[in-house]
Amino acid sequence: LIYGVARLLGVDDFPVYVAAAFAIVIALPLGIWV
């Protein structure tokens, strides 16, 4: 989702590992709750 949104916003050189890092940081507390 993060990578897709970045591509939609026109960021063509958005690294996948940055999207993965943000996703892990967001998924940690969200997964506990969900």
PDB file of all heavy atoms in Angstrom:
ATOM      1  N   LEU A   1       0.829  -1.208   0.000  1.00  0.00           N
ATOM      2  CA  LEU A   1       0.000   0.000   0.000  1.00  0.00           C
ATOM      3  C   LEU A   1       0.865   1.260   0.000  1.00  0.00           C
ATOM      4  O   LEU A   1       0.625   2.194  -0.784  1.00  0.00           O
ATOM      5  CB  LEU A   1      -0.925   0.000   1.215  1.00  0.00           C
ATOM      6  CG  LEU A   1      -1.823   1.211   1.375  1.00  0.00           C
ATOM      7  CD1 LEU A   1      -2.903   1.202   0.304  1.00  0.00           C
ATOM      8  CD2 LEU A   1      -2.435   1.234   2.755  1.00  0.00           C
ATOM      9  N   ILE A   2       1.869   1.290   0.847  1.00  0.00           N
ATOM     10  CA  ILE A   2       2.759   2.460   0.914  1.00  0.00           C
ATOM     11  C   ILE A   2       3.490   2.649  -0.409  1.00  0.00           C
ATOM     12  O   ILE A   2       3.586   3.762  -0.938  1.00  0.00           O
ATOM     13  CB  ILE A   2       3.753   2.320   2.082  1.00  0.00           C
ATOM     14  CG1 ILE A   2       3.010   2.419   3.412  1.00  0.00           C
ATOM     15  CG2 ILE A   2       4.856   3.368   2.001  1.00  0.00           C
ATOM     16  CD1 ILE A   2       3.830   2.034   4.617  1.00  0.00           C
ATOM     17  N   TYR A   3       4.004   1.557  -0.960  1.00  0.00           N
ATOM     18  CA  TYR A   3       4.717   1.638  -2.235  1.00  0.00           C
ATOM     19  C   TYR A   3       3.767   2.087  -3.354  1.00  0.00           C
ATOM     20  O   TYR A   3       4.125   2.938  -4.181  1.00  0.00           O
ATOM     21  CB  TYR A   3       5.341   0.284  -2.574  1.00  0.00           C
ATOM     22  CG  TYR A   3       6.193   0.324  -3.815  1.00  0.00           C
ATOM     23  CD1 TYR A   3       7.455   0.893  -3.783  1.00  0.00           C
ATOM     24  CD2 TYR A   3       5.733  -0.204  -5.021  1.00  0.00           C
ATOM     25  CE1 TYR A   3       8.238   0.946  -4.919  1.00  0.00           C
ATOM     26  CE2 TYR A   3       6.509  -0.160  -6.157  1.00  0.00           C
ATOM     27  CZ  TYR A   3       7.765   0.412  -6.108  1.00  0.00           C
ATOM     28  OH  TYR A   3       8.542   0.462  -7.228  1.00  0.00           O
ATOM     29  N   GLY A   4       2.560   1.546  -3.371  1.00  0.00           N
ATOM     30  CA  GLY A   4       1.575   1.924  -4.388  1.00  0.00           C
ATOM     31  C   GLY A   4       1.174   3.386  -4.297  1.00  0.00           C
ATOM     32  O   GLY A   4       1.053   4.076  -5.317  1.00  0.00           O
ATOM     33  N   VAL A   5       0.972   3.870  -3.088  1.00  0.00           N
ATOM     34  CA  VAL A   5       0.614   5.284  -2.907  1.00  0.00           C
ATOM     35  C   VAL A   5       1.759   6.177  -3.353  1.00  0.00           C
ATOM     36  O   VAL A   5       1.536   7.215  -4.003  1.00  0.00           O
ATOM     37  CB  VAL A   5       0.222   5.549  -1.435  1.00  0.00           C
ATOM     38  CG1 VAL A   5       0.140   7.040  -1.146  1.00  0.00           C
ATOM     39  CG2 VAL A   5      -1.089   4.873  -1.103  1.00  0.00           C
ATOM     40  N   ALA A   6       2.976   5.788  -3.043  1.00  0.00           N
ATOM     41  CA  ALA A   6       4.125   6.586  -3.472  1.00  0.00           C
ATOM     42  C   ALA A   6       4.193   6.639  -4.998  1.00  0.00           C
ATOM     43  O   ALA A   6       4.465   7.696  -5.575  1.00  0.00           O
ATOM     44  CB  ALA A   6       5.416   6.007  -2.905  1.00  0.00           C
ATOM     45  N   ARG A   7       3.937   5.516  -5.657  1.00  0.00           N
ATOM     46  CA  ARG A   7       3.948   5.492  -7.131  1.00  0.00           C
ATOM     47  C   ARG A   7       2.814   6.344  -7.699  1.00  0.00           C
ATOM     48  O   ARG A   7       2.998   7.036  -8.699  1.00  0.00           O
ATOM     49  CB  ARG A   7       3.830   4.059  -7.636  1.00  0.00           C
ATOM     50  CG  ARG A   7       4.987   3.144  -7.242  1.00  0.00           C
ATOM     51  CD  ARG A   7       6.231   3.469  -7.962  1.00  0.00           C
ATOM     52  NE  ARG A   7       6.042   3.128  -9.369  1.00  0.00           N
ATOM     53  CZ  ARG A   7       6.991   3.113 -10.263  1.00  0.00           C
ATOM     54  NH1 ARG A   7       8.214   3.397  -9.885  1.00  0.00           N
ATOM     55  NH2 ARG A   7       6.754   2.815 -11.512  1.00  0.00           N
ATOM     56  N   LEU A   8       1.649   6.289  -7.061  1.00  0.00           N
ATOM     57  CA  LEU A   8       0.524   7.109  -7.522  1.00  0.00           C
ATOM     58  C   LEU A   8       0.789   8.601  -7.356  1.00  0.00           C
ATOM     59  O   LEU A   8       0.296   9.409  -8.135  1.00  0.00           O
ATOM     60  CB  LEU A   8      -0.750   6.733  -6.779  1.00  0.00           C
ATOM     61  CG  LEU A   8      -1.410   5.419  -7.186  1.00  0.00           C
ATOM     62  CD1 LEU A   8      -2.591   5.121  -6.274  1.00  0.00           C
ATOM     63  CD2 LEU A   8      -1.873   5.478  -8.642  1.00  0.00           C
ATOM     64  N   LEU A   9       1.552   8.942  -6.336  1.00  0.00           N
ATOM     65  CA  LEU A   9       1.884  10.342  -6.102  1.00  0.00           C
ATOM     66  C   LEU A   9       3.014  10.835  -7.002  1.00  0.00           C
ATOM     67  O   LEU A   9       3.403  11.991  -6.929  1.00  0.00           O
ATOM     68  CB  LEU A   9       2.249  10.567  -4.629  1.00  0.00           C
ATOM     69  CG  LEU A   9       1.102  10.407  -3.634  1.00  0.00           C
ATOM     70  CD1 LEU A   9       1.615  10.542  -2.209  1.00  0.00           C
ATOM     71  CD2 LEU A   9       0.002  11.421  -3.904  1.00  0.00           C
ATOM     72  N   GLY A  10       3.533   9.941  -7.819  1.00  0.00           N
ATOM     73  CA  GLY A  10       4.543  10.343  -8.781  1.00  0.00           C
ATOM     74  C   GLY A  10       5.974  10.146  -8.334  1.00  0.00           C
ATOM     75  O   GLY A  10       6.896  10.622  -8.997  1.00  0.00           O
ATOM     76  N   VAL A  11       6.186   9.462  -7.230  1.00  0.00           N
ATOM     77  CA  VAL A  11       7.543   9.191  -6.762  1.00  0.00           C
ATOM     78  C   VAL A  11       8.002   7.904  -7.440  1.00  0.00           C
ATOM     79  O   VAL A  11       7.681   6.804  -7.015  1.00  0.00           O
ATOM     80  CB  VAL A  11       7.596   9.057  -5.225  1.00  0.00           C
ATOM     81  CG1 VAL A  11       9.020   8.825  -4.754  1.00  0.00           C
ATOM     82  CG2 VAL A  11       6.994  10.271  -4.562  1.00  0.00           C
ATOM     83  N   ASP A  12       8.760   8.063  -8.537  1.00  0.00           N
ATOM     84  CA  ASP A  12       9.148   6.898  -9.328  1.00  0.00           C
ATOM     85  C   ASP A  12      10.313   6.122  -8.729  1.00  0.00           C
ATOM     86  O   ASP A  12      10.447   4.926  -8.959  1.00  0.00           O
ATOM     87  CB  ASP A  12       9.523   7.328 -10.754  1.00  0.00           C
ATOM     88  CG  ASP A  12       8.313   7.851 -11.517  1.00  0.00           C
ATOM     89  OD1 ASP A  12       7.202   7.373 -11.234  1.00  0.00           O
ATOM     90  OD2 ASP A  12       8.502   8.730 -12.376  1.00  0.00           O
ATOM     91  N   ASP A  13      11.156   6.771  -7.979  1.00  0.00           N
ATOM     92  CA  ASP A  13      12.327   6.089  -7.444  1.00  0.00           C
ATOM     93  C   ASP A  13      12.195   5.799  -5.945  1.00  0.00           C
ATOM     94  O   ASP A  13      13.164   5.839  -5.206  1.00  0.00           O
ATOM     95  CB  ASP A  13      13.590   6.907  -7.721  1.00  0.00           C
ATOM     96  CG  ASP A  13      13.515   8.306  -7.132  1.00  0.00           C
ATOM     97  OD1 ASP A  13      12.405   8.728  -6.742  1.00  0.00           O
ATOM     98  OD2 ASP A  13      14.557   8.977  -7.062  1.00  0.00           O
ATOM     99  N   PHE A  14      10.992   5.482  -5.502  1.00  0.00           N
ATOM    100  CA  PHE A  14      10.743   5.162  -4.094  1.00  0.00           C
ATOM    101  C   PHE A  14      11.230   3.738  -3.820  1.00  0.00           C
ATOM    102  O   PHE A  14      10.734   2.780  -4.409  1.00  0.00           O
ATOM    103  CB  PHE A  14       9.252   5.286  -3.780  1.00  0.00           C
ATOM    104  CG  PHE A  14       8.930   5.254  -2.314  1.00  0.00           C
ATOM    105  CD1 PHE A  14       9.188   6.358  -1.522  1.00  0.00           C
ATOM    106  CD2 PHE A  14       8.370   4.135  -1.740  1.00  0.00           C
ATOM    107  CE1 PHE A  14       8.887   6.338  -0.175  1.00  0.00           C
ATOM    108  CE2 PHE A  14       8.070   4.113  -0.398  1.00  0.00           C
ATOM    109  CZ  PHE A  14       8.322   5.218   0.397  1.00  0.00           C
ATOM    110  N   PRO A  15      12.190   3.561  -2.928  1.00  0.00           N
ATOM    111  CA  PRO A  15      12.735   2.225  -2.669  1.00  0.00           C
ATOM    112  C   PRO A  15      11.732   1.320  -1.941  1.00  0.00           C
ATOM    113  O   PRO A  15      11.023   1.753  -1.034  1.00  0.00           O
ATOM    114  CB  PRO A  15      13.949   2.477  -1.778  1.00  0.00           C
ATOM    115  CG  PRO A  15      14.190   3.935  -1.825  1.00  0.00           C
ATOM    116  CD  PRO A  15      12.919   4.593  -2.225  1.00  0.00           C
ATOM    117  N   VAL A  16      11.716   0.066  -2.342  1.00  0.00           N
ATOM    118  CA  VAL A  16      10.812  -0.904  -1.720  1.00  0.00           C
ATOM    119  C   VAL A  16      11.188  -1.124  -0.262  1.00  0.00           C
ATOM    120  O   VAL A  16      10.308  -1.282   0.590  1.00  0.00           O
ATOM    121  CB  VAL A  16      10.837  -2.233  -2.510  1.00  0.00           C
ATOM    122  CG1 VAL A  16      10.027  -3.296  -1.813  1.00  0.00           C
ATOM    123  CG2 VAL A  16      10.348  -2.028  -3.925  1.00  0.00           C
ATOM    124  N   TYR A  17      12.480  -1.112   0.044  1.00  0.00           N
ATOM    125  CA  TYR A  17      12.889  -1.352   1.427  1.00  0.00           C
ATOM    126  C   TYR A  17      12.440  -0.229   2.358  1.00  0.00           C
ATOM    127  O   TYR A  17      12.203  -0.468   3.551  1.00  0.00           O
ATOM    128  CB  TYR A  17      14.399  -1.598   1.537  1.00  0.00           C
ATOM    129  CG  TYR A  17      15.279  -0.440   1.167  1.00  0.00           C
ATOM    130  CD1 TYR A  17      15.622   0.523   2.101  1.00  0.00           C
ATOM    131  CD2 TYR A  17      15.774  -0.302  -0.127  1.00  0.00           C
ATOM    132  CE1 TYR A  17      16.429   1.591   1.772  1.00  0.00           C
ATOM    133  CE2 TYR A  17      16.578   0.760  -0.470  1.00  0.00           C
ATOM    134  CZ  TYR A  17      16.908   1.707   0.481  1.00  0.00           C
ATOM    135  OH  TYR A  17      17.706   2.775   0.148  1.00  0.00           O
ATOM    136  N   VAL A  18      12.302   0.981   1.844  1.00  0.00           N
ATOM    137  CA  VAL A  18      11.785   2.072   2.674  1.00  0.00           C
ATOM    138  C   VAL A  18      10.307   1.833   2.968  1.00  0.00           C
ATOM    139  O   VAL A  18       9.847   2.013   4.104  1.00  0.00           O
ATOM    140  CB  VAL A  18      12.002   3.442   1.982  1.00  0.00           C
ATOM    141  CG1 VAL A  18      11.303   4.554   2.743  1.00  0.00           C
ATOM    142  CG2 VAL A  18      13.486   3.728   1.854  1.00  0.00           C
ATOM    143  N   ALA A  19       9.565   1.393   1.953  1.00  0.00           N
ATOM    144  CA  ALA A  19       8.157   1.057   2.156  1.00  0.00           C
ATOM    145  C   ALA A  19       8.029  -0.089   3.161  1.00  0.00           C
ATOM    146  O   ALA A  19       7.155  -0.063   4.035  1.00  0.00           O
ATOM    147  CB  ALA A  19       7.507   0.680   0.835  1.00  0.00           C
ATOM    148  N   ALA A  20       8.904  -1.078   3.060  1.00  0.00           N
ATOM    149  CA  ALA A  20       8.870  -2.207   3.989  1.00  0.00           C
ATOM    150  C   ALA A  20       9.198  -1.753   5.412  1.00  0.00           C
ATOM    151  O   ALA A  20       8.567  -2.213   6.375  1.00  0.00           O
ATOM    152  CB  ALA A  20       9.839  -3.283   3.532  1.00  0.00           C
ATOM    153  N   ALA A  21      10.159  -0.870   5.564  1.00  0.00           N
ATOM    154  CA  ALA A  21      10.527  -0.381   6.892  1.00  0.00           C
ATOM    155  C   ALA A  21       9.376   0.384   7.532  1.00  0.00           C
ATOM    156  O   ALA A  21       9.049   0.173   8.709  1.00  0.00           O
ATOM    157  CB  ALA A  21      11.769   0.500   6.809  1.00  0.00           C
ATOM    158  N   PHE A  22       8.749   1.277   6.771  1.00  0.00           N
ATOM    159  CA  PHE A  22       7.587   2.001   7.288  1.00  0.00           C
ATOM    160  C   PHE A  22       6.454   1.043   7.619  1.00  0.00           C
ATOM    161  O   PHE A  22       5.756   1.204   8.628  1.00  0.00           O
ATOM    162  CB  PHE A  22       7.107   3.057   6.294  1.00  0.00           C
ATOM    163  CG  PHE A  22       7.915   4.313   6.314  1.00  0.00           C
ATOM    164  CD1 PHE A  22       8.515   4.775   5.153  1.00  0.00           C
ATOM    165  CD2 PHE A  22       8.083   5.050   7.466  1.00  0.00           C
ATOM    166  CE1 PHE A  22       9.264   5.937   5.151  1.00  0.00           C
ATOM    167  CE2 PHE A  22       8.826   6.209   7.490  1.00  0.00           C
ATOM    168  CZ  PHE A  22       9.424   6.657   6.317  1.00  0.00           C
ATOM    169  N   ALA A  23       6.248   0.043   6.778  1.00  0.00           N
ATOM    170  CA  ALA A  23       5.178  -0.924   6.998  1.00  0.00           C
ATOM    171  C   ALA A  23       5.396  -1.710   8.287  1.00  0.00           C
ATOM    172  O   ALA A  23       4.447  -1.954   9.038  1.00  0.00           O
ATOM    173  CB  ALA A  23       5.077  -1.873   5.814  1.00  0.00           C
ATOM    174  N   ILE A  24       6.632  -2.086   8.555  1.00  0.00           N
ATOM    175  CA  ILE A  24       6.913  -2.825   9.789  1.00  0.00           C
ATOM    176  C   ILE A  24       6.644  -1.957  11.000  1.00  0.00           C
ATOM    177  O   ILE A  24       6.036  -2.404  11.982  1.00  0.00           O
ATOM    178  CB  ILE A  24       8.363  -3.342   9.779  1.00  0.00           C
ATOM    179  CG1 ILE A  24       8.492  -4.471   8.753  1.00  0.00           C
ATOM    180  CG2 ILE A  24       8.789  -3.825  11.157  1.00  0.00           C
ATOM    181  CD1 ILE A  24       9.915  -4.896   8.484  1.00  0.00           C
ATOM    182  N   VAL A  25       7.070  -0.708  10.938  1.00  0.00           N
ATOM    183  CA  VAL A  25       6.848   0.206  12.070  1.00  0.00           C
ATOM    184  C   VAL A  25       5.351   0.415  12.309  1.00  0.00           C
ATOM    185  O   VAL A  25       4.895   0.458  13.453  1.00  0.00           O
ATOM    186  CB  VAL A  25       7.565   1.548  11.829  1.00  0.00           C
ATOM    187  CG1 VAL A  25       7.148   2.595  12.842  1.00  0.00           C
ATOM    188  CG2 VAL A  25       9.071   1.347  11.842  1.00  0.00           C
ATOM    189  N   ILE A  26       4.579   0.508  11.258  1.00  0.00           N
ATOM    190  CA  ILE A  26       3.136   0.704  11.393  1.00  0.00           C
ATOM    191  C   ILE A  26       2.448  -0.599  11.797  1.00  0.00           C
ATOM    192  O   ILE A  26       1.504  -0.601  12.586  1.00  0.00           O
ATOM    193  CB  ILE A  26       2.551   1.252  10.072  1.00  0.00           C
ATOM    194  CG1 ILE A  26       3.096   2.653   9.802  1.00  0.00           C
ATOM    195  CG2 ILE A  26       1.032   1.267  10.115  1.00  0.00           C
ATOM    196  CD1 ILE A  26       2.795   3.174   8.408  1.00  0.00           C
ATOM    197  N   ALA A  27       2.915  -1.728  11.254  1.00  0.00           N
ATOM    198  CA  ALA A  27       2.255  -3.012  11.492  1.00  0.00           C
ATOM    199  C   ALA A  27       2.459  -3.524  12.917  1.00  0.00           C
ATOM    200  O   ALA A  27       1.621  -4.290  13.407  1.00  0.00           O
ATOM    201  CB  ALA A  27       2.753  -4.051  10.498  1.00  0.00           C
ATOM    202  N   LEU A  28       3.534  -3.141  13.574  1.00  0.00           N
ATOM    203  CA  LEU A  28       3.775  -3.644  14.927  1.00  0.00           C
ATOM    204  C   LEU A  28       2.623  -3.303  15.878  1.00  0.00           C
ATOM    205  O   LEU A  28       2.005  -4.206  16.443  1.00  0.00           O
ATOM    206  CB  LEU A  28       5.117  -3.145  15.455  1.00  0.00           C
ATOM    207  CG  LEU A  28       6.341  -3.841  14.861  1.00  0.00           C
ATOM    208  CD1 LEU A  28       7.619  -3.148  15.314  1.00  0.00           C
ATOM    209  CD2 LEU A  28       6.370  -5.289  15.252  1.00  0.00           C
ATOM    210  N   PRO A  29       2.300  -2.042  16.095  1.00  0.00           N
ATOM    211  CA  PRO A  29       1.183  -1.761  17.011  1.00  0.00           C
ATOM    212  C   PRO A  29      -0.184  -2.096  16.392  1.00  0.00           C
ATOM    213  O   PRO A  29      -1.095  -2.513  17.099  1.00  0.00           O
ATOM    214  CB  PRO A  29       1.304  -0.268  17.296  1.00  0.00           C
ATOM    215  CG  PRO A  29       2.052   0.287  16.148  1.00  0.00           C
ATOM    216  CD  PRO A  29       2.961  -0.811  15.666  1.00  0.00           C
ATOM    217  N   LEU A  30      -0.313  -1.914  15.082  1.00  0.00           N
ATOM    218  CA  LEU A  30      -1.598  -2.185  14.432  1.00  0.00           C
ATOM    219  C   LEU A  30      -1.953  -3.666  14.507  1.00  0.00           C
ATOM    220  O   LEU A  30      -3.113  -4.021  14.747  1.00  0.00           O
ATOM    221  CB  LEU A  30      -1.551  -1.715  12.976  1.00  0.00           C
ATOM    222  CG  LEU A  30      -2.852  -1.782  12.195  1.00  0.00           C
ATOM    223  CD1 LEU A  30      -3.894  -0.869  12.825  1.00  0.00           C
ATOM    224  CD2 LEU A  30      -2.604  -1.380  10.750  1.00  0.00           C
ATOM    225  N   GLY A  31      -0.975  -4.535  14.340  1.00  0.00           N
ATOM    226  CA  GLY A  31      -1.227  -5.969  14.400  1.00  0.00           C
ATOM    227  C   GLY A  31      -1.647  -6.429  15.779  1.00  0.00           C
ATOM    228  O   GLY A  31      -2.466  -7.340  15.923  1.00  0.00           O
ATOM    229  N   ILE A  32      -1.100  -5.820  16.803  1.00  0.00           N
ATOM    230  CA  ILE A  32      -1.499  -6.169  18.169  1.00  0.00           C
ATOM    231  C   ILE A  32      -2.970  -5.829  18.383  1.00  0.00           C
ATOM    232  O   ILE A  32      -3.717  -6.590  18.996  1.00  0.00           O
ATOM    233  CB  ILE A  32      -0.602  -5.440  19.191  1.00  0.00           C
ATOM    234  CG1 ILE A  32       0.808  -6.015  19.148  1.00  0.00           C
ATOM    235  CG2 ILE A  32      -1.165  -5.557  20.607  1.00  0.00           C
ATOM    236  CD1 ILE A  32       1.814  -5.237  19.961  1.00  0.00           C
ATOM    237  N   TRP A  33      -3.386  -4.712  17.861  1.00  0.00           N
ATOM    238  CA  TRP A  33      -4.767  -4.270  18.034  1.00  0.00           C
ATOM    239  C   TRP A  33      -5.717  -5.048  17.130  1.00  0.00           C
ATOM    240  O   TRP A  33      -6.760  -5.517  17.578  1.00  0.00           O
ATOM    241  CB  TRP A  33      -4.835  -2.766  17.752  1.00  0.00           C
ATOM    242  CG  TRP A  33      -6.193  -2.194  17.878  1.00  0.00           C
ATOM    243  CD1 TRP A  33      -6.945  -2.086  19.017  1.00  0.00           C
ATOM    244  CD2 TRP A  33      -6.981  -1.652  16.823  1.00  0.00           C
ATOM    245  NE1 TRP A  33      -8.149  -1.506  18.717  1.00  0.00           N
ATOM    246  CE2 TRP A  33      -8.189  -1.224  17.385  1.00  0.00           C
ATOM    247  CE3 TRP A  33      -6.770  -1.484  15.461  1.00  0.00           C
ATOM    248  CZ2 TRP A  33      -9.189  -0.645  16.621  1.00  0.00           C
ATOM    249  CZ3 TRP A  33      -7.767  -0.901  14.707  1.00  0.00           C
ATOM    250  CH2 TRP A  33      -8.956  -0.487  15.279  1.00  0.00           C
ATOM    251  N   VAL A  34      -5.367  -5.188  15.868  1.00  0.00           N
ATOM    252  CA  VAL A  34      -6.261  -5.821  14.893  1.00  0.00           C
ATOM    253  C   VAL A  34      -6.403  -7.320  15.157  1.00  0.00           C
ATOM    254  O   VAL A  34      -7.494  -7.868  15.046  1.00  0.00           O
ATOM    255  CB  VAL A  34      -5.744  -5.579  13.455  1.00  0.00           C
ATOM    256  CG1 VAL A  34      -6.492  -6.417  12.446  1.00  0.00           C
ATOM    257  CG2 VAL A  34      -5.847  -4.100  13.105  1.00  0.00           C
TER     258      VAL A  34
END
